[in-house]
Amino acid sequence: MSCPKCGSGDVMLLPSNEFACKHCGHKWPIPQVDYSWVEVEVKKARLFERYIDAPIETCERLLAELAKELNERDARILAAKILLMRAYRRRLSQSELQRLHAEADKCFQ
């Protein structure tokens, strides 16, 4: 951590929840931590549980459902994960396994 004003690394934490530079005396607040990622991870876990056994077999349909609640990147990753986990949870023939893997690959295109 360094002072945003003078660049000194000689910084201390004050009881008022501020940082202070010992060199120039500049004070600045402690940055707030963003915990919104936790809500997204919980939402993804719930969606995974909801759709892991759903009868949706194509990436497009699964993406359409997931995109209602997630951004496109997260929806694509989760859709591929769901399709791949289905492949491992079921006892599938080699051709069915390859079909699900190919469908999961479509999620990234």
PDB file of N, CA and C in Angstrom:
ATOM      1  N   MET A   1       0.858  -1.168   0.000  1.00  0.00           N
ATOM      2  CA  MET A   1       0.000   0.000   0.000  1.00  0.00           C
ATOM      3  C   MET A   1       0.901   1.228   0.000  1.00  0.00           C
ATOM      4  N   SER A   2       0.532   2.200  -0.798  1.00  0.00           N
ATOM      5  CA  SER A   2       1.294   3.440  -0.840  1.00  0.00           C
ATOM      6  C   SER A   2       0.331   4.622  -0.857  1.00  0.00           C
ATOM      7  N   CYS A   3       0.844   5.763  -0.458  1.00  0.00           N
ATOM      8  CA  CYS A   3       0.045   6.985  -0.400  1.00  0.00           C
ATOM      9  C   CYS A   3      -0.326   7.429  -1.811  1.00  0.00           C
ATOM     10  N   PRO A   4      -1.618   7.709  -2.055  1.00  0.00           N
ATOM     11  CA  PRO A   4      -2.011   8.157  -3.394  1.00  0.00           C
ATOM     12  C   PRO A   4      -1.509   9.563  -3.722  1.00  0.00           C
ATOM     13  N   LYS A   5      -1.113  10.327  -2.709  1.00  0.00           N
ATOM     14  CA  LYS A   5      -0.657  11.700  -2.938  1.00  0.00           C
ATOM     15  C   LYS A   5       0.847  11.770  -3.217  1.00  0.00           C
ATOM     16  N   CYS A   6       1.656  11.139  -2.333  1.00  0.00           N
ATOM     17  CA  CYS A   6       3.109  11.268  -2.494  1.00  0.00           C
ATOM     18  C   CYS A   6       3.800   9.966  -2.900  1.00  0.00           C
ATOM     19  N   GLY A   7       3.095   8.839  -2.808  1.00  0.00           N
ATOM     20  CA  GLY A   7       3.663   7.564  -3.206  1.00  0.00           C
ATOM     21  C   GLY A   7       4.469   6.861  -2.133  1.00  0.00           C
ATOM     22  N   SER A   8       4.561   7.438  -0.950  1.00  0.00           N
ATOM     23  CA  SER A   8       5.317   6.825   0.137  1.00  0.00           C
ATOM     24  C   SER A   8       4.646   5.525   0.587  1.00  0.00           C
ATOM     25  N   GLY A   9       5.452   4.556   0.959  1.00  0.00           N
ATOM     26  CA  GLY A   9       4.936   3.286   1.471  1.00  0.00           C
ATOM     27  C   GLY A   9       4.812   3.283   2.976  1.00  0.00           C
ATOM     28  N   ASP A  10       5.155   4.389   3.603  1.00  0.00           N
ATOM     29  CA  ASP A  10       5.086   4.495   5.063  1.00  0.00           C
ATOM     30  C   ASP A  10       3.680   4.938   5.457  1.00  0.00           C
ATOM     31  N   VAL A  11       2.772   3.981   5.561  1.00  0.00           N
ATOM     32  CA  VAL A  11       1.345   4.233   5.772  1.00  0.00           C
ATOM     33  C   VAL A  11       0.899   3.567   7.064  1.00  0.00           C
ATOM     34  N   MET A  12      -0.036   4.219   7.756  1.00  0.00           N
ATOM     35  CA  MET A  12      -0.589   3.613   8.972  1.00  0.00           C
ATOM     36  C   MET A  12      -2.113   3.627   8.914  1.00  0.00           C
ATOM     37  N   LEU A  13      -2.712   2.744   9.696  1.00  0.00           N
ATOM     38  CA  LEU A  13      -4.163   2.658   9.798  1.00  0.00           C
ATOM     39  C   LEU A  13      -4.595   3.408  11.042  1.00  0.00           C
ATOM     40  N   LEU A  14      -5.549   4.333  10.873  1.00  0.00           N
ATOM     41  CA  LEU A  14      -6.054   5.124  11.985  1.00  0.00           C
ATOM     42  C   LEU A  14      -7.282   4.461  12.611  1.00  0.00           C
ATOM     43  N   PRO A  15      -7.578   4.739  13.875  1.00  0.00           N
ATOM     44  CA  PRO A  15      -8.779   4.187  14.519  1.00  0.00           C
ATOM     45  C   PRO A  15     -10.080   4.646  13.846  1.00  0.00           C
ATOM     46  N   SER A  16     -10.005   5.707  13.056  1.00  0.00           N
ATOM     47  CA  SER A  16     -11.188   6.225  12.361  1.00  0.00           C
ATOM     48  C   SER A  16     -11.450   5.485  11.042  1.00  0.00           C
ATOM     49  N   ASN A  17     -10.820   4.311  10.857  1.00  0.00           N
ATOM     50  CA  ASN A  17     -10.939   3.512   9.637  1.00  0.00           C
ATOM     51  C   ASN A  17     -10.491   4.280   8.398  1.00  0.00           C
ATOM     52  N   GLU A  18      -9.368   4.962   8.531  1.00  0.00           N
ATOM     53  CA  GLU A  18      -8.740   5.663   7.426  1.00  0.00           C
ATOM     54  C   GLU A  18      -7.267   5.276   7.391  1.00  0.00           C
ATOM     55  N   PHE A  19      -6.682   5.418   6.214  1.00  0.00           N
ATOM     56  CA  PHE A  19      -5.239   5.289   6.106  1.00  0.00           C
ATOM     57  C   PHE A  19      -4.653   6.684   6.210  1.00  0.00           C
ATOM     58  N   ALA A  20      -3.441   6.773   6.736  1.00  0.00           N
ATOM     59  CA  ALA A  20      -2.737   8.049   6.814  1.00  0.00           C
ATOM     60  C   ALA A  20      -1.280   7.827   6.424  1.00  0.00           C
ATOM     61  N   CYS A  21      -0.768   8.749   5.648  1.00  0.00           N
ATOM     62  CA  CYS A  21       0.624   8.702   5.226  1.00  0.00           C
ATOM     63  C   CYS A  21       1.488   9.339   6.309  1.00  0.00           C
ATOM     64  N   LYS A  22       2.484   8.642   6.783  1.00  0.00           N
ATOM     65  CA  LYS A  22       3.387   9.182   7.802  1.00  0.00           C
ATOM     66  C   LYS A  22       4.339  10.217   7.207  1.00  0.00           C
ATOM     67  N   HIS A  23       4.489  10.199   5.887  1.00  0.00           N
ATOM     68  CA  HIS A  23       5.412  11.120   5.230  1.00  0.00           C
ATOM     69  C   HIS A  23       4.779  12.484   4.993  1.00  0.00           C
ATOM     70  N   CYS A  24       3.576  12.503   4.362  1.00  0.00           N
ATOM     71  CA  CYS A  24       2.975  13.798   4.009  1.00  0.00           C
ATOM     72  C   CYS A  24       1.715  14.115   4.818  1.00  0.00           C
ATOM     73  N   GLY A  25       1.194  13.149   5.579  1.00  0.00           N
ATOM     74  CA  GLY A  25       0.020  13.401   6.404  1.00  0.00           C
ATOM     75  C   GLY A  25      -1.314  13.226   5.684  1.00  0.00           C
ATOM     76  N   HIS A  26      -1.286  12.881   4.417  1.00  0.00           N
ATOM     77  CA  HIS A  26      -2.527  12.694   3.658  1.00  0.00           C
ATOM     78  C   HIS A  26      -3.336  11.538   4.248  1.00  0.00           C
ATOM     79  N   LYS A  27      -4.659  11.715   4.309  1.00  0.00           N
ATOM     80  CA  LYS A  27      -5.558  10.679   4.819  1.00  0.00           C
ATOM     81  C   LYS A  27      -6.540  10.295   3.713  1.00  0.00           C
ATOM     82  N   TRP A  28      -6.885   9.008   3.649  1.00  0.00           N
ATOM     83  CA  TRP A  28      -7.888   8.539   2.688  1.00  0.00           C
ATOM     84  C   TRP A  28      -8.640   7.356   3.292  1.00  0.00           C
ATOM     85  N   PRO A  29      -9.892   7.191   2.866  1.00  0.00           N
ATOM     86  CA  PRO A  29     -10.717   6.121   3.467  1.00  0.00           C
ATOM     87  C   PRO A  29     -10.275   4.729   2.998  1.00  0.00           C
ATOM     88  N   ILE A  30     -10.577   3.745   3.821  1.00  0.00           N
ATOM     89  CA  ILE A  30     -10.338   2.349   3.445  1.00  0.00           C
ATOM     90  C   ILE A  30     -11.337   1.998   2.347  1.00  0.00           C
ATOM     91  N   PRO A  31     -10.881   1.436   1.243  1.00  0.00           N
ATOM     92  CA  PRO A  31     -11.826   1.068   0.173  1.00  0.00           C
ATOM     93  C   PRO A  31     -12.803  -0.010   0.657  1.00  0.00           C
ATOM     94  N   GLN A  32     -14.041   0.120   0.233  1.00  0.00           N
ATOM     95  CA  GLN A  32     -15.062  -0.853   0.596  1.00  0.00           C
ATOM     96  C   GLN A  32     -14.920  -2.101  -0.270  1.00  0.00           C
ATOM     97  N   VAL A  33     -15.089  -3.237   0.348  1.00  0.00           N
ATOM     98  CA  VAL A  33     -14.984  -4.508  -0.361  1.00  0.00           C
ATOM     99  C   VAL A  33     -16.324  -4.816  -1.012  1.00  0.00           C
ATOM    100  N   ASP A  34     -16.265  -5.250  -2.260  1.00  0.00           N
ATOM    101  CA  ASP A  34     -17.472  -5.600  -2.999  1.00  0.00           C
ATOM    102  C   ASP A  34     -17.743  -7.102  -2.840  1.00  0.00           C
ATOM    103  N   TYR A  35     -18.822  -7.422  -2.154  1.00  0.00           N
ATOM    104  CA  TYR A  35     -19.183  -8.823  -1.938  1.00  0.00           C
ATOM    105  C   TYR A  35     -20.308  -9.280  -2.858  1.00  0.00           C
ATOM    106  N   SER A  36     -20.610  -8.529  -3.898  1.00  0.00           N
ATOM    107  CA  SER A  36     -21.706  -8.901  -4.789  1.00  0.00           C
ATOM    108  C   SER A  36     -21.428 -10.211  -5.527  1.00  0.00           C
ATOM    109  N   TRP A  37     -20.159 -10.593  -5.660  1.00  0.00           N
ATOM    110  CA  TRP A  37     -19.810 -11.842  -6.330  1.00  0.00           C
ATOM    111  C   TRP A  37     -20.381 -13.039  -5.589  1.00  0.00           C
ATOM    112  N   VAL A  38     -20.562 -12.911  -4.260  1.00  0.00           N
ATOM    113  CA  VAL A  38     -21.104 -14.021  -3.480  1.00  0.00           C
ATOM    114  C   VAL A  38     -22.539 -14.314  -3.922  1.00  0.00           C
ATOM    115  N   GLU A  39     -23.315 -13.257  -4.131  1.00  0.00           N
ATOM    116  CA  GLU A  39     -24.699 -13.431  -4.576  1.00  0.00           C
ATOM    117  C   GLU A  39     -24.749 -14.125  -5.932  1.00  0.00           C
ATOM    118  N   VAL A  40     -23.834 -13.775  -6.828  1.00  0.00           N
ATOM    119  CA  VAL A  40     -23.796 -14.393  -8.153  1.00  0.00           C
ATOM    120  C   VAL A  40     -23.444 -15.875  -8.032  1.00  0.00           C
ATOM    121  N   GLU A  41     -22.480 -16.205  -7.175  1.00  0.00           N
ATOM    122  CA  GLU A  41     -22.080 -17.600  -7.007  1.00  0.00           C
ATOM    123  C   GLU A  41     -23.218 -18.436  -6.409  1.00  0.00           C
ATOM    124  N   VAL A  42     -23.951 -17.877  -5.463  1.00  0.00           N
ATOM    125  CA  VAL A  42     -25.089 -18.585  -4.884  1.00  0.00           C
ATOM    126  C   VAL A  42     -26.168 -18.789  -5.945  1.00  0.00           C
ATOM    127  N   LYS A  43     -26.409 -17.767  -6.756  1.00  0.00           N
ATOM    128  CA  LYS A  43     -27.396 -17.877  -7.832  1.00  0.00           C
ATOM    129  C   LYS A  43     -26.993 -18.962  -8.827  1.00  0.00           C
ATOM    130  N   LYS A  44     -25.691 -19.015  -9.184  1.00  0.00           N
ATOM    131  CA  LYS A  44     -25.227 -20.039 -10.114  1.00  0.00           C
ATOM    132  C   LYS A  44     -25.387 -21.436  -9.516  1.00  0.00           C
ATOM    133  N   ALA A  45     -25.122 -21.581  -8.224  1.00  0.00           N
ATOM    134  CA  ALA A  45     -25.292 -22.891  -7.576  1.00  0.00           C
ATOM    135  C   ALA A  45     -26.756 -23.322  -7.587  1.00  0.00           C
ATOM    136  N   ARG A  46     -27.647 -22.392  -7.319  1.00  0.00           N
ATOM    137  CA  ARG A  46     -29.078 -22.718  -7.345  1.00  0.00           C
ATOM    138  C   ARG A  46     -29.538 -23.087  -8.752  1.00  0.00           C
ATOM    139  N   LEU A  47     -29.068 -22.346  -9.755  1.00  0.00           N
ATOM    140  CA  LEU A  47     -29.433 -22.653 -11.137  1.00  0.00           C
ATOM    141  C   LEU A  47     -28.867 -24.005 -11.571  1.00  0.00           C
ATOM    142  N   PHE A  48     -27.665 -24.314 -11.129  1.00  0.00           N
ATOM    143  CA  PHE A  48     -27.080 -25.618 -11.433  1.00  0.00           C
ATOM    144  C   PHE A  48     -27.974 -26.730 -10.902  1.00  0.00           C
ATOM    145  N   GLU A  49     -28.388 -26.602  -9.655  1.00  0.00           N
ATOM    146  CA  GLU A  49     -29.250 -27.626  -9.050  1.00  0.00           C
ATOM    147  C   GLU A  49     -30.600 -27.707  -9.759  1.00  0.00           C
ATOM    148  N   ARG A  50     -31.113 -26.582 -10.194  1.00  0.00           N
ATOM    149  CA  ARG A  50     -32.414 -26.563 -10.868  1.00  0.00           C
ATOM    150  C   ARG A  50     -32.352 -27.236 -12.237  1.00  0.00           C
ATOM    151  N   TYR A  51     -31.253 -27.032 -12.976  1.00  0.00           N
ATOM    152  CA  TYR A  51     -31.194 -27.485 -14.355  1.00  0.00           C
ATOM    153  C   TYR A  51     -30.363 -28.750 -14.583  1.00  0.00           C
ATOM    154  N   ILE A  52     -29.687 -29.268 -13.578  1.00  0.00           N
ATOM    155  CA  ILE A  52     -28.839 -30.439 -13.800  1.00  0.00           C
ATOM    156  C   ILE A  52     -29.664 -31.640 -14.253  1.00  0.00           C
ATOM    157  N   ASP A  53     -30.877 -31.795 -13.772  1.00  0.00           N
ATOM    158  CA  ASP A  53     -31.716 -32.923 -14.174  1.00  0.00           C
ATOM    159  C   ASP A  53     -32.891 -32.506 -15.046  1.00  0.00           C
ATOM    160  N   ALA A  54     -32.900 -31.266 -15.511  1.00  0.00           N
ATOM    161  CA  ALA A  54     -33.984 -30.795 -16.373  1.00  0.00           C
ATOM    162  C   ALA A  54     -33.891 -31.484 -17.736  1.00  0.00           C
ATOM    163  N   PRO A  55     -35.005 -31.640 -18.427  1.00  0.00           N
ATOM    164  CA  PRO A  55     -34.990 -32.350 -19.708  1.00  0.00           C
ATOM    165  C   PRO A  55     -34.427 -31.540 -20.875  1.00  0.00           C
ATOM    166  N   ILE A  56     -33.852 -30.387 -20.627  1.00  0.00           N
ATOM    167  CA  ILE A  56     -33.273 -29.563 -21.695  1.00  0.00           C
ATOM    168  C   ILE A  56     -31.958 -30.195 -22.140  1.00  0.00           C
ATOM    169  N   GLU A  57     -31.846 -30.525 -23.420  1.00  0.00           N
ATOM    170  CA  GLU A  57     -30.668 -31.234 -23.924  1.00  0.00           C
ATOM    171  C   GLU A  57     -29.782 -30.398 -24.825  1.00  0.00           C
ATOM    172  N   THR A  58     -30.224 -29.208 -25.240  1.00  0.00           N
ATOM    173  CA  THR A  58     -29.399 -28.402 -26.145  1.00  0.00           C
ATOM    174  C   THR A  58     -28.848 -27.182 -25.417  1.00  0.00           C
ATOM    175  N   CYS A  59     -27.691 -26.772 -25.863  1.00  0.00           N
ATOM    176  CA  CYS A  59     -27.050 -25.610 -25.267  1.00  0.00           C
ATOM    177  C   CYS A  59     -27.887 -24.354 -25.472  1.00  0.00           C
ATOM    178  N   GLU A  60     -28.487 -24.204 -26.643  1.00  0.00           N
ATOM    179  CA  GLU A  60     -29.254 -23.000 -26.945  1.00  0.00           C
ATOM    180  C   GLU A  60     -30.425 -22.824 -25.975  1.00  0.00           C
ATOM    181  N   ARG A  61     -31.167 -23.898 -25.739  1.00  0.00           N
ATOM    182  CA  ARG A  61     -32.319 -23.810 -24.832  1.00  0.00           C
ATOM    183  C   ARG A  61     -31.871 -23.574 -23.397  1.00  0.00           C
ATOM    184  N   LEU A  62     -30.796 -24.235 -23.000  1.00  0.00           N
ATOM    185  CA  LEU A  62     -30.277 -24.057 -21.650  1.00  0.00           C
ATOM    186  C   LEU A  62     -29.761 -22.633 -21.466  1.00  0.00           C
ATOM    187  N   LEU A  63     -29.063 -22.113 -22.479  1.00  0.00           N
ATOM    188  CA  LEU A  63     -28.583 -20.728 -22.415  1.00  0.00           C
ATOM    189  C   LEU A  63     -29.737 -19.736 -22.316  1.00  0.00           C
ATOM    190  N   ALA A  64     -30.798 -20.003 -23.058  1.00  0.00           N
ATOM    191  CA  ALA A  64     -31.956 -19.102 -23.014  1.00  0.00           C
ATOM    192  C   ALA A  64     -32.530 -19.018 -21.607  1.00  0.00           C
ATOM    193  N   GLU A  65     -32.583 -20.142 -20.910  1.00  0.00           N
ATOM    194  CA  GLU A  65     -33.095 -20.149 -19.539  1.00  0.00           C
ATOM    195  C   GLU A  65     -32.128 -19.473 -18.573  1.00  0.00           C
ATOM    196  N   LEU A  66     -30.849 -19.785 -18.681  1.00  0.00           N
ATOM    197  CA  LEU A  66     -29.852 -19.232 -17.762  1.00  0.00           C
ATOM    198  C   LEU A  66     -29.637 -17.737 -17.976  1.00  0.00           C
ATOM    199  N   ALA A  67     -29.767 -17.278 -19.227  1.00  0.00           N
ATOM    200  CA  ALA A  67     -29.545 -15.865 -19.545  1.00  0.00           C
ATOM    201  C   ALA A  67     -30.604 -14.963 -18.924  1.00  0.00           C
ATOM    202  N   LYS A  68     -31.701 -15.539 -18.496  1.00  0.00           N
ATOM    203  CA  LYS A  68     -32.728 -14.742 -17.817  1.00  0.00           C
ATOM    204  C   LYS A  68     -32.246 -14.252 -16.464  1.00  0.00           C
ATOM    205  N   GLU A  69     -31.270 -14.962 -15.891  1.00  0.00           N
ATOM    206  CA  GLU A  69     -30.813 -14.608 -14.544  1.00  0.00           C
ATOM    207  C   GLU A  69     -29.326 -14.310 -14.431  1.00  0.00           C
ATOM    208  N   LEU A  70     -28.544 -14.630 -15.475  1.00  0.00           N
ATOM    209  CA  LEU A  70     -27.096 -14.406 -15.433  1.00  0.00           C
ATOM    210  C   LEU A  70     -26.646 -13.614 -16.649  1.00  0.00           C
ATOM    211  N   ASN A  71     -25.459 -13.032 -16.548  1.00  0.00           N
ATOM    212  CA  ASN A  71     -24.896 -12.384 -17.732  1.00  0.00           C
ATOM    213  C   ASN A  71     -24.465 -13.467 -18.720  1.00  0.00           C
ATOM    214  N   GLU A  72     -24.161 -13.070 -19.951  1.00  0.00           N
ATOM    215  CA  GLU A  72     -23.905 -14.047 -21.014  1.00  0.00           C
ATOM    216  C   GLU A  72     -22.714 -14.947 -20.710  1.00  0.00           C
ATOM    217  N   ARG A  73     -21.640 -14.378 -20.215  1.00  0.00           N
ATOM    218  CA  ARG A  73     -20.433 -15.157 -19.926  1.00  0.00           C
ATOM    219  C   ARG A  73     -20.717 -16.222 -18.878  1.00  0.00           C
ATOM    220  N   ASP A  74     -21.319 -15.822 -17.763  1.00  0.00           N
ATOM    221  CA  ASP A  74     -21.623 -16.774 -16.697  1.00  0.00           C
ATOM    222  C   ASP A  74     -22.627 -17.818 -17.153  1.00  0.00           C
ATOM    223  N   ALA A  75     -23.602 -17.408 -17.963  1.00  0.00           N
ATOM    224  CA  ALA A  75     -24.602 -18.350 -18.473  1.00  0.00           C
ATOM    225  C   ALA A  75     -23.946 -19.395 -19.371  1.00  0.00           C
ATOM    226  N   ARG A  76     -23.025 -18.979 -20.227  1.00  0.00           N
ATOM    227  CA  ARG A  76     -22.353 -19.920 -21.126  1.00  0.00           C
ATOM    228  C   ARG A  76     -21.507 -20.928 -20.347  1.00  0.00           C
ATOM    229  N   ILE A  77     -20.763 -20.444 -19.371  1.00  0.00           N
ATOM    230  CA  ILE A  77     -19.919 -21.332 -18.565  1.00  0.00           C
ATOM    231  C   ILE A  77     -20.785 -22.312 -17.781  1.00  0.00           C
ATOM    232  N   LEU A  78     -21.854 -21.815 -17.174  1.00  0.00           N
ATOM    233  CA  LEU A  78     -22.725 -22.687 -16.386  1.00  0.00           C
ATOM    234  C   LEU A  78     -23.445 -23.698 -17.268  1.00  0.00           C
ATOM    235  N   ALA A  79     -23.876 -23.292 -18.451  1.00  0.00           N
ATOM    236  CA  ALA A  79     -24.546 -24.219 -19.372  1.00  0.00           C
ATOM    237  C   ALA A  79     -23.600 -25.356 -19.758  1.00  0.00           C
ATOM    238  N   ALA A  80     -22.371 -25.029 -20.076  1.00  0.00           N
ATOM    239  CA  ALA A  80     -21.398 -26.067 -20.427  1.00  0.00           C
ATOM    240  C   ALA A  80     -21.139 -26.983 -19.240  1.00  0.00           C
ATOM    241  N   LYS A  81     -21.022 -26.410 -18.067  1.00  0.00           N
ATOM    242  CA  LYS A  81     -20.790 -27.214 -16.857  1.00  0.00           C
ATOM    243  C   LYS A  81     -21.949 -28.171 -16.612  1.00  0.00           C
ATOM    244  N   ILE A  82     -23.166 -27.684 -16.767  1.00  0.00           N
ATOM    245  CA  ILE A  82     -24.343 -28.532 -16.560  1.00  0.00           C
ATOM    246  C   ILE A  82     -24.347 -29.682 -17.559  1.00  0.00           C
ATOM    247  N   LEU A  83     -24.101 -29.388 -18.824  1.00  0.00           N
ATOM    248  CA  LEU A  83     -24.105 -30.436 -19.840  1.00  0.00           C
ATOM    249  C   LEU A  83     -23.004 -31.461 -19.595  1.00  0.00           C
ATOM    250  N   LEU A  84     -21.833 -31.007 -19.204  1.00  0.00           N
ATOM    251  CA  LEU A  84     -20.739 -31.939 -18.930  1.00  0.00           C
ATOM    252  C   LEU A  84     -21.014 -32.779 -17.680  1.00  0.00           C
ATOM    253  N   MET A  85     -21.554 -32.171 -16.662  1.00  0.00           N
ATOM    254  CA  MET A  85     -21.871 -32.929 -15.447  1.00  0.00           C
ATOM    255  C   MET A  85     -22.960 -33.957 -15.705  1.00  0.00           C
ATOM    256  N   ARG A  86     -23.901 -33.649 -16.574  1.00  0.00           N
ATOM    257  CA  ARG A  86     -24.907 -34.637 -16.955  1.00  0.00           C
ATOM    258  C   ARG A  86     -24.240 -35.842 -17.592  1.00  0.00           C
ATOM    259  N   ALA A  87     -23.237 -35.582 -18.412  1.00  0.00           N
ATOM    260  CA  ALA A  87     -22.539 -36.672 -19.087  1.00  0.00           C
ATOM    261  C   ALA A  87     -21.878 -37.606 -18.078  1.00  0.00           C
ATOM    262  N   TYR A  88     -21.346 -37.052 -17.013  1.00  0.00           N
ATOM    263  CA  TYR A  88     -20.662 -37.877 -16.023  1.00  0.00           C
ATOM    264  C   TYR A  88     -21.617 -38.520 -15.017  1.00  0.00           C
ATOM    265  N   ARG A  89     -22.772 -37.902 -14.791  1.00  0.00           N
ATOM    266  CA  ARG A  89     -23.734 -38.453 -13.828  1.00  0.00           C
ATOM    267  C   ARG A  89     -24.531 -39.607 -14.399  1.00  0.00           C
ATOM    268  N   ARG A  90     -24.702 -39.609 -15.701  1.00  0.00           N
ATOM    269  CA  ARG A  90     -25.472 -40.669 -16.349  1.00  0.00           C
ATOM    270  C   ARG A  90     -24.537 -41.748 -16.864  1.00  0.00           C
ATOM    271  N   ARG A  91     -25.051 -42.915 -16.967  1.00  0.00           N
ATOM    272  CA  ARG A  91     -24.271 -44.005 -17.566  1.00  0.00           C
ATOM    273  C   ARG A  91     -24.604 -44.014 -19.055  1.00  0.00           C
ATOM    274  N   LEU A  92     -23.746 -43.345 -19.829  1.00  0.00           N
ATOM    275  CA  LEU A  92     -24.018 -43.146 -21.243  1.00  0.00           C
ATOM    276  C   LEU A  92     -23.098 -43.977 -22.116  1.00  0.00           C
ATOM    277  N   SER A  93     -23.588 -44.241 -23.301  1.00  0.00           N
ATOM    278  CA  SER A  93     -22.738 -44.898 -24.294  1.00  0.00           C
ATOM    279  C   SER A  93     -21.705 -43.883 -24.769  1.00  0.00           C
ATOM    280  N   GLN A  94     -20.695 -44.381 -25.450  1.00  0.00           N
ATOM    281  CA  GLN A  94     -19.633 -43.495 -25.936  1.00  0.00           C
ATOM    282  C   GLN A  94     -20.183 -42.448 -26.900  1.00  0.00           C
ATOM    283  N   SER A  95     -21.132 -42.853 -27.756  1.00  0.00           N
ATOM    284  CA  SER A  95     -21.684 -41.892 -28.721  1.00  0.00           C
ATOM    285  C   SER A  95     -22.512 -40.818 -28.019  1.00  0.00           C
ATOM    286  N   GLU A  96     -23.288 -41.196 -26.994  1.00  0.00           N
ATOM    287  CA  GLU A  96     -24.061 -40.209 -26.235  1.00  0.00           C
ATOM    288  C   GLU A  96     -23.139 -39.267 -25.472  1.00  0.00           C
ATOM    289  N   LEU A  97     -22.070 -39.805 -24.943  1.00  0.00           N
ATOM    290  CA  LEU A  97     -21.084 -38.991 -24.228  1.00  0.00           C
ATOM    291  C   LEU A  97     -20.446 -37.974 -25.176  1.00  0.00           C
ATOM    292  N   GLN A  98     -20.096 -38.397 -26.355  1.00  0.00           N
ATOM    293  CA  GLN A  98     -19.518 -37.485 -27.350  1.00  0.00           C
ATOM    294  C   GLN A  98     -20.521 -36.422 -27.771  1.00  0.00           C
ATOM    295  N   ARG A  99     -21.811 -36.800 -27.876  1.00  0.00           N
ATOM    296  CA  ARG A  99     -22.840 -35.838 -28.259  1.00  0.00           C
ATOM    297  C   ARG A  99     -22.984 -34.751 -27.194  1.00  0.00           C
ATOM    298  N   LEU A 100     -22.985 -35.139 -25.912  1.00  0.00           N
ATOM    299  CA  LEU A 100     -23.098 -34.143 -24.852  1.00  0.00           C
ATOM    300  C   LEU A 100     -21.858 -33.254 -24.784  1.00  0.00           C
ATOM    301  N   HIS A 101     -20.691 -33.824 -25.031  1.00  0.00           N
ATOM    302  CA  HIS A 101     -19.471 -33.010 -25.051  1.00  0.00           C
ATOM    303  C   HIS A 101     -19.510 -32.012 -26.205  1.00  0.00           C
ATOM    304  N   ALA A 102     -19.992 -32.450 -27.348  1.00  0.00           N
ATOM    305  CA  ALA A 102     -20.110 -31.541 -28.498  1.00  0.00           C
ATOM    306  C   ALA A 102     -21.120 -30.446 -28.219  1.00  0.00           C
ATOM    307  N   GLU A 103     -22.206 -30.788 -27.545  1.00  0.00           N
ATOM    308  CA  GLU A 103     -23.226 -29.798 -27.193  1.00  0.00           C
ATOM    309  C   GLU A 103     -22.659 -28.786 -26.195  1.00  0.00           C
ATOM    310  N   ALA A 104     -21.848 -29.258 -25.247  1.00  0.00           N
ATOM    311  CA  ALA A 104     -21.216 -28.347 -24.292  1.00  0.00           C
ATOM    312  C   ALA A 104     -20.243 -27.403 -24.988  1.00  0.00           C
ATOM    313  N   ASP A 105     -19.539 -27.897 -25.995  1.00  0.00           N
ATOM    314  CA  ASP A 105     -18.614 -27.049 -26.754  1.00  0.00           C
ATOM    315  C   ASP A 105     -19.351 -25.934 -27.482  1.00  0.00           C
ATOM    316  N   LYS A 106     -20.589 -26.184 -27.896  1.00  0.00           N
ATOM    317  CA  LYS A 106     -21.382 -25.163 -28.582  1.00  0.00           C
ATOM    318  C   LYS A 106     -21.656 -23.955 -27.689  1.00  0.00           C
ATOM    319  N   CYS A 107     -21.653 -24.165 -26.380  1.00  0.00           N
ATOM    320  CA  CYS A 107     -21.924 -23.070 -25.443  1.00  0.00           C
ATOM    321  C   CYS A 107     -20.854 -21.977 -25.512  1.00  0.00           C
ATOM    322  N   PHE A 108     -19.672 -22.329 -25.972  1.00  0.00           N
ATOM    323  CA  PHE A 108     -18.580 -21.361 -26.014  1.00  0.00           C
ATOM    324  C   PHE A 108     -18.420 -20.712 -27.364  1.00  0.00           C
ATOM    325  N   GLN A 109     -19.295 -21.020 -28.314  1.00  0.00           N
ATOM    326  CA  GLN A 109     -19.173 -20.444 -29.658  1.00  0.00           C
ATOM    327  C   GLN A 109     -20.105 -19.282 -29.826  1.00  0.00           C
TER     328      GLN A 109
END
